[in-house]
Amino acid sequence: MATTSTVDAESRRERLLDILSADGIIRLEAAAERLGVSAMTVRRDLADLEAEGQLRRVRGGAVPSLKPRSFVDRMSTGAEAKRIIADKALALMPTSGAVAFDASSTAGTVLSRMDGLDRDLTIATNSYENFQSARRVGGTAVLIGGEAEERTDSFVGLLACQAAGSLHYSHFFTSAGAVDPERGSSEVTLAETQVKLAFVDAADETVLLVDSSKLGQRALARALEWQRISVLVTELDPADSRLDPYRELVTVA
């Protein structure tokens, strides 16, 4: 009996991680129904996975751990939410001039969906993966170099900050590790924050692209205050009550 129980627990936890990867969030009651177990059982599984550093529990479920993750790892999480966010972001995209994208996988999804659009843009980014996507868009792609941050597949440091501030952008499209109505956005590393602030300083408008699992959360390094952000874009309907704490702070899309 003990062996069967252990195997079942391992199987459940694997499926919970699959849900987290696909949806970007685990909702306790929905996960219990999908797995055919009680909410208490799922709660225990989430506690074990959190102890292993696989996720982070929040009210009503769990979200990915707030730690540096590779671009490929991040790109595979919450794909559907990223697609919805990207389509909303495309409606804000100018037809000419210079725009900047951070090293996030959400920004990468926006770039991947720009193929075939009639745009004459200079696109700057501190991500090699996003630079490759920008090259396929057309126009001029600019890779912001600097020190390689191996954990996040981005370029950071003094040279990256200087290069990020060397152009004038109409829009800067950026994601975040976490978003809080009191503190603004935050990141998992201070180095990522510094490059993003350099982009913000050089942009007319900053568009924050985050899925709903990041709302109401805080990460290690404080990044953008609300007065530096023009538009908040999520996968949610703009009328969703989860966006209520942000309506007086920023335009919600």
C-alpha atoms as a PDB file:
ATOM      1  CA  MET A   1       0.000   0.000   0.000  1.00  0.00           C
ATOM      2  CA  ALA A   2       2.787   2.441   0.857  1.00  0.00           C
ATOM      3  CA  THR A   3       4.376   1.995  -2.580  1.00  0.00           C
ATOM      4  CA  THR A   4       1.099   2.659  -4.388  1.00  0.00           C
ATOM      5  CA  SER A   5       0.501   5.766  -2.313  1.00  0.00           C
ATOM      6  CA  THR A   6       3.993   7.101  -3.116  1.00  0.00           C
ATOM      7  CA  VAL A   7       3.575   6.520  -6.842  1.00  0.00           C
ATOM      8  CA  ASP A   8       0.186   8.221  -6.820  1.00  0.00           C
ATOM      9  CA  ALA A   9       1.637  11.230  -5.011  1.00  0.00           C
ATOM     10  CA  GLU A  10       4.489  11.500  -7.512  1.00  0.00           C
ATOM     11  CA  SER A  11       2.052  11.266 -10.402  1.00  0.00           C
ATOM     12  CA  ARG A  12      -0.162  13.984  -8.925  1.00  0.00           C
ATOM     13  CA  ARG A  13       2.766  16.315  -8.422  1.00  0.00           C
ATOM     14  CA  GLU A  14       3.968  15.785 -11.968  1.00  0.00           C
ATOM     15  CA  ARG A  15       0.500  16.653 -13.233  1.00  0.00           C
ATOM     16  CA  LEU A  16       0.382  19.725 -10.999  1.00  0.00           C
ATOM     17  CA  LEU A  17       3.670  20.919 -12.493  1.00  0.00           C
ATOM     18  CA  ASP A  18       2.252  20.264 -15.971  1.00  0.00           C
ATOM     19  CA  ILE A  19      -0.741  22.470 -15.102  1.00  0.00           C
ATOM     20  CA  LEU A  20       1.597  25.181 -13.820  1.00  0.00           C
ATOM     21  CA  SER A  21       3.666  25.026 -16.986  1.00  0.00           C
ATOM     22  CA  ALA A  22       0.635  25.209 -19.277  1.00  0.00           C
ATOM     23  CA  ASP A  23      -1.444  27.776 -17.389  1.00  0.00           C
ATOM     24  CA  GLY A  24       1.137  29.731 -15.420  1.00  0.00           C
ATOM     25  CA  ILE A  25      -0.905  29.188 -12.240  1.00  0.00           C
ATOM     26  CA  ILE A  26      -2.463  26.345 -10.239  1.00  0.00           C
ATOM     27  CA  ARG A  27      -5.939  27.073  -8.900  1.00  0.00           C
ATOM     28  CA  LEU A  28      -6.591  24.840  -5.913  1.00  0.00           C
ATOM     29  CA  GLU A  29     -10.229  23.856  -6.473  1.00  0.00           C
ATOM     30  CA  ALA A  30      -9.857  23.441 -10.237  1.00  0.00           C
ATOM     31  CA  ALA A  31      -6.733  21.283  -9.800  1.00  0.00           C
ATOM     32  CA  ALA A  32      -8.470  19.085  -7.228  1.00  0.00           C
ATOM     33  CA  GLU A  33     -11.346  18.498  -9.643  1.00  0.00           C
ATOM     34  CA  ARG A  34      -9.012  17.683 -12.544  1.00  0.00           C
ATOM     35  CA  LEU A  35      -7.023  15.227 -10.451  1.00  0.00           C
ATOM     36  CA  GLY A  36     -10.063  13.680  -8.768  1.00  0.00           C
ATOM     37  CA  VAL A  37      -8.763  14.293  -5.249  1.00  0.00           C
ATOM     38  CA  SER A  38      -9.629  16.578  -2.369  1.00  0.00           C
ATOM     39  CA  ALA A  39      -8.456  20.165  -2.103  1.00  0.00           C
ATOM     40  CA  MET A  40      -6.615  19.165   1.076  1.00  0.00           C
ATOM     41  CA  THR A  41      -4.609  16.568  -0.876  1.00  0.00           C
ATOM     42  CA  VAL A  42      -3.652  19.154  -3.492  1.00  0.00           C
ATOM     43  CA  ARG A  43      -2.740  21.602  -0.730  1.00  0.00           C
ATOM     44  CA  ARG A  44      -0.338  19.039   0.754  1.00  0.00           C
ATOM     45  CA  ASP A  45       1.166  18.338  -2.666  1.00  0.00           C
ATOM     46  CA  LEU A  46       1.701  22.060  -3.227  1.00  0.00           C
ATOM     47  CA  ALA A  47       3.402  22.357   0.152  1.00  0.00           C
ATOM     48  CA  ASP A  48       5.790  19.537  -0.789  1.00  0.00           C
ATOM     49  CA  LEU A  49       6.515  21.094  -4.191  1.00  0.00           C
ATOM     50  CA  GLU A  50       7.133  24.470  -2.576  1.00  0.00           C
ATOM     51  CA  ALA A  51       9.616  22.858  -0.163  1.00  0.00           C
ATOM     52  CA  GLU A  52      11.456  21.510  -3.230  1.00  0.00           C
ATOM     53  CA  GLY A  53      11.558  24.994  -4.763  1.00  0.00           C
ATOM     54  CA  GLN A  54       9.310  23.955  -7.661  1.00  0.00           C
ATOM     55  CA  LEU A  55       6.633  26.602  -7.093  1.00  0.00           C
ATOM     56  CA  ARG A  56       5.357  29.225  -4.674  1.00  0.00           C
ATOM     57  CA  ARG A  57       2.039  28.918  -2.886  1.00  0.00           C
ATOM     58  CA  VAL A  58      -0.357  31.843  -2.957  1.00  0.00           C
ATOM     59  CA  ARG A  59      -3.929  32.295  -1.783  1.00  0.00           C
ATOM     60  CA  GLY A  60      -6.069  29.736  -3.618  1.00  0.00           C
ATOM     61  CA  GLY A  61      -3.250  27.876  -5.347  1.00  0.00           C
ATOM     62  CA  ALA A  62       0.329  28.318  -6.550  1.00  0.00           C
ATOM     63  CA  VAL A  63       2.457  30.212  -9.078  1.00  0.00           C
ATOM     64  CA  PRO A  64       5.988  29.668 -10.444  1.00  0.00           C
ATOM     65  CA  SER A  65       8.859  30.231  -8.030  1.00  0.00           C
ATOM     66  CA  LEU A  66      10.262  33.768  -7.991  1.00  0.00           C
ATOM     67  CA  LYS A  67      13.777  32.864  -9.069  1.00  0.00           C
ATOM     68  CA  PRO A  68      15.910  33.421 -12.175  1.00  0.00           C
ATOM     69  CA  ARG A  69      14.814  31.093 -14.971  1.00  0.00           C
ATOM     70  CA  SER A  70      16.062  30.511 -18.498  1.00  0.00           C
ATOM     71  CA  PHE A  71      14.260  32.017 -21.479  1.00  0.00           C
ATOM     72  CA  VAL A  72      13.159  28.573 -22.716  1.00  0.00           C
ATOM     73  CA  ASP A  73      11.798  27.645 -19.300  1.00  0.00           C
ATOM     74  CA  ARG A  74       9.843  30.900 -19.060  1.00  0.00           C
ATOM     75  CA  MET A  75       8.567  30.669 -22.624  1.00  0.00           C
ATOM     76  CA  SER A  76       6.943  27.300 -21.912  1.00  0.00           C
ATOM     77  CA  THR A  77       4.931  28.672 -18.970  1.00  0.00           C
ATOM     78  CA  GLY A  78       1.469  30.204 -19.441  1.00  0.00           C
ATOM     79  CA  ALA A  79       1.576  30.141 -23.237  1.00  0.00           C
ATOM     80  CA  GLU A  80      -2.121  30.923 -23.718  1.00  0.00           C
ATOM     81  CA  ALA A  81      -1.989  33.948 -21.405  1.00  0.00           C
ATOM     82  CA  LYS A  82       1.083  35.204 -23.275  1.00  0.00           C
ATOM     83  CA  ARG A  83      -0.741  34.943 -26.610  1.00  0.00           C
ATOM     84  CA  ILE A  84      -3.677  36.998 -25.339  1.00  0.00           C
ATOM     85  CA  ILE A  85      -1.342  39.604 -23.857  1.00  0.00           C
ATOM     86  CA  ALA A  86       0.661  39.750 -27.076  1.00  0.00           C
ATOM     87  CA  ASP A  87      -2.410  40.376 -29.221  1.00  0.00           C
ATOM     88  CA  LYS A  88      -3.425  43.246 -26.939  1.00  0.00           C
ATOM     89  CA  ALA A  89       0.101  44.659 -27.093  1.00  0.00           C
ATOM     90  CA  LEU A  90       0.101  44.594 -30.890  1.00  0.00           C
ATOM     91  CA  ALA A  91      -2.792  47.063 -30.863  1.00  0.00           C
ATOM     92  CA  LEU A  92      -0.474  49.514 -29.059  1.00  0.00           C
ATOM     93  CA  MET A  93       2.464  49.010 -31.425  1.00  0.00           C
ATOM     94  CA  PRO A  94       3.502  52.031 -33.518  1.00  0.00           C
ATOM     95  CA  THR A  95       4.077  51.651 -37.255  1.00  0.00           C
ATOM     96  CA  SER A  96       7.447  53.413 -37.311  1.00  0.00           C
ATOM     97  CA  GLY A  97      10.193  54.749 -35.076  1.00  0.00           C
ATOM     98  CA  ALA A  98      12.066  52.893 -32.335  1.00  0.00           C
ATOM     99  CA  VAL A  99      10.639  50.535 -29.725  1.00  0.00           C
ATOM    100  CA  ALA A 100      12.319  48.499 -26.992  1.00  0.00           C
ATOM    101  CA  PHE A 101      11.606  45.031 -25.609  1.00  0.00           C
ATOM    102  CA  ASP A 102      13.049  43.569 -22.448  1.00  0.00           C
ATOM    103  CA  ALA A 103      14.401  40.021 -22.127  1.00  0.00           C
ATOM    104  CA  SER A 104      11.089  38.518 -21.019  1.00  0.00           C
ATOM    105  CA  SER A 105       9.391  35.605 -22.733  1.00  0.00           C
ATOM    106  CA  THR A 106       6.179  37.656 -22.841  1.00  0.00           C
ATOM    107  CA  ALA A 107       7.951  40.305 -24.900  1.00  0.00           C
ATOM    108  CA  GLY A 108       9.271  37.454 -27.031  1.00  0.00           C
ATOM    109  CA  THR A 109       5.722  36.276 -27.674  1.00  0.00           C
ATOM    110  CA  VAL A 110       4.769  39.767 -28.872  1.00  0.00           C
ATOM    111  CA  LEU A 111       7.698  39.769 -31.292  1.00  0.00           C
ATOM    112  CA  SER A 112       6.843  36.281 -32.558  1.00  0.00           C
ATOM    113  CA  ARG A 113       3.357  37.478 -33.484  1.00  0.00           C
ATOM    114  CA  MET A 114       4.582  40.516 -35.429  1.00  0.00           C
ATOM    115  CA  ASP A 115       5.599  38.511 -38.500  1.00  0.00           C
ATOM    116  CA  GLY A 116       3.910  39.869 -41.624  1.00  0.00           C
ATOM    117  CA  LEU A 117       2.837  43.148 -40.028  1.00  0.00           C
ATOM    118  CA  ASP A 118       3.562  46.314 -41.994  1.00  0.00           C
ATOM    119  CA  ARG A 119       6.016  47.987 -39.622  1.00  0.00           C
ATOM    120  CA  ASP A 120       9.129  50.091 -40.236  1.00  0.00           C
ATOM    121  CA  LEU A 121      10.622  49.853 -36.777  1.00  0.00           C
ATOM    122  CA  THR A 122      13.946  49.903 -35.045  1.00  0.00           C
ATOM    123  CA  ILE A 123      13.613  47.226 -32.345  1.00  0.00           C
ATOM    124  CA  ALA A 124      16.074  47.119 -29.440  1.00  0.00           C
ATOM    125  CA  THR A 125      16.278  44.353 -26.838  1.00  0.00           C
ATOM    126  CA  ASN A 126      18.728  42.957 -24.281  1.00  0.00           C
ATOM    127  CA  SER A 127      17.779  39.365 -25.114  1.00  0.00           C
ATOM    128  CA  TYR A 128      19.474  37.363 -27.872  1.00  0.00           C
ATOM    129  CA  GLU A 129      16.340  35.234 -28.322  1.00  0.00           C
ATOM    130  CA  ASN A 130      14.171  38.341 -28.682  1.00  0.00           C
ATOM    131  CA  PHE A 131      16.775  39.891 -31.002  1.00  0.00           C
ATOM    132  CA  GLN A 132      16.445  36.891 -33.310  1.00  0.00           C
ATOM    133  CA  SER A 133      12.664  37.320 -33.320  1.00  0.00           C
ATOM    134  CA  ALA A 134      13.070  41.051 -34.001  1.00  0.00           C
ATOM    135  CA  ARG A 135      15.217  40.283 -37.045  1.00  0.00           C
ATOM    136  CA  ARG A 136      12.350  38.300 -38.541  1.00  0.00           C
ATOM    137  CA  VAL A 137       9.944  41.215 -38.079  1.00  0.00           C
ATOM    138  CA  GLY A 138      11.852  43.420 -40.506  1.00  0.00           C
ATOM    139  CA  GLY A 139      13.152  46.932 -40.046  1.00  0.00           C
ATOM    140  CA  THR A 140      16.271  47.221 -37.897  1.00  0.00           C
ATOM    141  CA  ALA A 141      17.017  44.919 -34.961  1.00  0.00           C
ATOM    142  CA  VAL A 142      19.422  46.135 -32.272  1.00  0.00           C
ATOM    143  CA  LEU A 143      20.931  43.801 -29.665  1.00  0.00           C
ATOM    144  CA  ILE A 144      21.738  45.602 -26.428  1.00  0.00           C
ATOM    145  CA  GLY A 145      24.932  43.902 -25.294  1.00  0.00           C
ATOM    146  CA  GLY A 146      26.685  43.844 -21.945  1.00  0.00           C
ATOM    147  CA  GLU A 147      27.403  41.180 -19.356  1.00  0.00           C
ATOM    148  CA  ALA A 148      25.727  37.835 -20.032  1.00  0.00           C
ATOM    149  CA  GLU A 149      23.312  36.851 -17.247  1.00  0.00           C
ATOM    150  CA  GLU A 150      23.388  33.085 -17.706  1.00  0.00           C
ATOM    151  CA  ARG A 151      20.440  32.406 -15.415  1.00  0.00           C
ATOM    152  CA  THR A 152      17.984  34.532 -17.414  1.00  0.00           C
ATOM    153  CA  ASP A 153      19.601  34.555 -20.893  1.00  0.00           C
ATOM    154  CA  SER A 154      19.770  38.357 -20.894  1.00  0.00           C
ATOM    155  CA  PHE A 155      22.403  41.073 -21.090  1.00  0.00           C
ATOM    156  CA  VAL A 156      22.838  43.284 -18.037  1.00  0.00           C
ATOM    157  CA  GLY A 157      25.391  45.546 -16.367  1.00  0.00           C
ATOM    158  CA  LEU A 158      26.779  49.023 -17.015  1.00  0.00           C
ATOM    159  CA  LEU A 159      27.339  48.564 -20.756  1.00  0.00           C
ATOM    160  CA  ALA A 160      23.819  47.213 -21.220  1.00  0.00           C
ATOM    161  CA  CYS A 161      22.352  50.181 -19.326  1.00  0.00           C
ATOM    162  CA  GLN A 162      24.367  52.656 -21.379  1.00  0.00           C
ATOM    163  CA  ALA A 163      23.359  51.008 -24.658  1.00  0.00           C
ATOM    164  CA  ALA A 164      19.696  50.795 -23.636  1.00  0.00           C
ATOM    165  CA  GLY A 165      19.669  54.556 -23.061  1.00  0.00           C
ATOM    166  CA  SER A 166      21.351  55.442 -26.347  1.00  0.00           C
ATOM    167  CA  LEU A 167      18.136  55.475 -28.418  1.00  0.00           C
ATOM    168  CA  HIS A 168      14.821  57.304 -28.064  1.00  0.00           C
ATOM    169  CA  TYR A 169      11.876  54.882 -27.992  1.00  0.00           C
ATOM    170  CA  SER A 170       8.225  55.651 -28.471  1.00  0.00           C
ATOM    171  CA  HIS A 171       7.318  52.506 -26.477  1.00  0.00           C
ATOM    172  CA  PHE A 172       9.083  50.103 -24.128  1.00  0.00           C
ATOM    173  CA  PHE A 173       7.372  46.725 -23.783  1.00  0.00           C
ATOM    174  CA  THR A 174       8.369  44.932 -20.590  1.00  0.00           C
ATOM    175  CA  SER A 175       7.177  42.204 -18.268  1.00  0.00           C
ATOM    176  CA  ALA A 176       7.949  41.746 -14.558  1.00  0.00           C
ATOM    177  CA  GLY A 177       8.621  39.076 -11.986  1.00  0.00           C
ATOM    178  CA  ALA A 178       5.797  40.416  -9.822  1.00  0.00           C
ATOM    179  CA  VAL A 179       3.358  43.340  -9.625  1.00  0.00           C
ATOM    180  CA  ASP A 180       1.990  44.974  -6.498  1.00  0.00           C
ATOM    181  CA  PRO A 181      -0.569  47.834  -6.285  1.00  0.00           C
ATOM    182  CA  GLU A 182       1.527  49.612  -3.640  1.00  0.00           C
ATOM    183  CA  ARG A 183       5.085  48.960  -4.814  1.00  0.00           C
ATOM    184  CA  GLY A 184       4.761  48.679  -8.595  1.00  0.00           C
ATOM    185  CA  SER A 185       6.718  46.017 -10.450  1.00  0.00           C
ATOM    186  CA  SER A 186       9.650  44.001  -9.120  1.00  0.00           C
ATOM    187  CA  GLU A 187      12.207  41.560 -10.501  1.00  0.00           C
ATOM    188  CA  VAL A 188      14.093  38.462  -9.416  1.00  0.00           C
ATOM    189  CA  THR A 189      17.499  40.140  -9.899  1.00  0.00           C
ATOM    190  CA  LEU A 190      18.716  43.692  -9.323  1.00  0.00           C
ATOM    191  CA  ALA A 191      20.668  43.629 -12.594  1.00  0.00           C
ATOM    192  CA  GLU A 192      17.479  43.075 -14.618  1.00  0.00           C
ATOM    193  CA  THR A 193      15.869  46.025 -12.849  1.00  0.00           C
ATOM    194  CA  GLN A 194      18.708  48.375 -13.747  1.00  0.00           C
ATOM    195  CA  VAL A 195      18.486  47.663 -17.489  1.00  0.00           C
ATOM    196  CA  LYS A 196      14.708  48.067 -17.469  1.00  0.00           C
ATOM    197  CA  LEU A 197      15.006  51.441 -15.749  1.00  0.00           C
ATOM    198  CA  ALA A 198      17.442  52.562 -18.469  1.00  0.00           C
ATOM    199  CA  PHE A 199      14.893  51.581 -21.130  1.00  0.00           C
ATOM    200  CA  VAL A 200      12.107  53.380 -19.252  1.00  0.00           C
ATOM    201  CA  ASP A 201      14.151  56.582 -19.007  1.00  0.00           C
ATOM    202  CA  ALA A 202      14.590  56.569 -22.800  1.00  0.00           C
ATOM    203  CA  ALA A 203      10.932  55.775 -23.687  1.00  0.00           C
ATOM    204  CA  ASP A 204       7.877  57.981 -24.111  1.00  0.00           C
ATOM    205  CA  GLU A 205       5.578  55.210 -22.880  1.00  0.00           C
ATOM    206  CA  THR A 206       6.141  51.995 -20.948  1.00  0.00           C
ATOM    207  CA  VAL A 207       3.752  49.082 -21.468  1.00  0.00           C
ATOM    208  CA  LEU A 208       3.789  46.486 -18.679  1.00  0.00           C
ATOM    209  CA  LEU A 209       2.869  42.978 -19.875  1.00  0.00           C
ATOM    210  CA  VAL A 210       2.052  40.528 -17.070  1.00  0.00           C
ATOM    211  CA  ASP A 211      -0.194  37.529 -16.622  1.00  0.00           C
ATOM    212  CA  SER A 212      -2.646  37.560 -13.734  1.00  0.00           C
ATOM    213  CA  SER A 213      -0.622  35.111 -11.610  1.00  0.00           C
ATOM    214  CA  LYS A 214       1.876  37.932 -10.963  1.00  0.00           C
ATOM    215  CA  LEU A 215      -0.694  40.399  -9.641  1.00  0.00           C
ATOM    216  CA  GLY A 216      -0.485  41.164  -5.944  1.00  0.00           C
ATOM    217  CA  GLN A 217       3.030  39.690  -5.687  1.00  0.00           C
ATOM    218  CA  ARG A 218       6.479  41.064  -4.802  1.00  0.00           C
ATOM    219  CA  ALA A 219       9.890  39.866  -5.979  1.00  0.00           C
ATOM    220  CA  LEU A 220      13.393  40.615  -4.734  1.00  0.00           C
ATOM    221  CA  ALA A 221      14.272  43.892  -6.470  1.00  0.00           C
ATOM    222  CA  ARG A 222      11.922  46.869  -6.769  1.00  0.00           C
ATOM    223  CA  ALA A 223      11.674  48.059 -10.368  1.00  0.00           C
ATOM    224  CA  LEU A 224       9.055  50.398 -11.853  1.00  0.00           C
ATOM    225  CA  GLU A 225       6.836  52.719  -9.849  1.00  0.00           C
ATOM    226  CA  TRP A 226       3.345  53.205 -11.214  1.00  0.00           C
ATOM    227  CA  GLN A 227       4.002  56.735 -12.470  1.00  0.00           C
ATOM    228  CA  ARG A 228       6.609  55.262 -14.828  1.00  0.00           C
ATOM    229  CA  ILE A 229       4.079  52.862 -16.409  1.00  0.00           C
ATOM    230  CA  SER A 230       1.592  53.965 -19.089  1.00  0.00           C
ATOM    231  CA  VAL A 231      -0.467  50.813 -19.653  1.00  0.00           C
ATOM    232  CA  LEU A 232      -0.935  47.522 -17.773  1.00  0.00           C
ATOM    233  CA  VAL A 233      -1.742  44.619 -20.117  1.00  0.00           C
ATOM    234  CA  THR A 234      -2.897  41.231 -18.793  1.00  0.00           C
ATOM    235  CA  GLU A 235      -4.774  38.279 -20.254  1.00  0.00           C
ATOM    236  CA  LEU A 236      -7.831  39.241 -18.197  1.00  0.00           C
ATOM    237  CA  ASP A 237     -10.894  41.067 -19.436  1.00  0.00           C
ATOM    238  CA  PRO A 238     -10.283  44.725 -18.512  1.00  0.00           C
ATOM    239  CA  ALA A 239     -13.477  44.627 -16.416  1.00  0.00           C
ATOM    240  CA  ASP A 240     -12.226  41.704 -14.286  1.00  0.00           C
ATOM    241  CA  SER A 241     -12.401  42.504 -10.573  1.00  0.00           C
ATOM    242  CA  ARG A 242      -8.827  41.287 -10.083  1.00  0.00           C
ATOM    243  CA  LEU A 243      -7.713  44.476 -11.834  1.00  0.00           C
ATOM    244  CA  ASP A 244      -9.670  46.777  -9.503  1.00  0.00           C
ATOM    245  CA  PRO A 245      -6.650  47.656  -7.300  1.00  0.00           C
ATOM    246  CA  TYR A 246      -4.821  49.002 -10.372  1.00  0.00           C
ATOM    247  CA  ARG A 247      -7.476  51.099 -12.116  1.00  0.00           C
ATOM    248  CA  GLU A 248      -6.621  54.375 -10.401  1.00  0.00           C
ATOM    249  CA  LEU A 249      -2.887  53.778 -10.874  1.00  0.00           C
ATOM    250  CA  VAL A 250      -2.596  53.003 -14.576  1.00  0.00           C
ATOM    251  CA  THR A 251      -4.549  52.473 -17.799  1.00  0.00           C
ATOM    252  CA  VAL A 252      -5.715  48.830 -17.837  1.00  0.00           C
ATOM    253  CA  ALA A 253      -5.955  46.907 -21.117  1.00  0.00           C
END
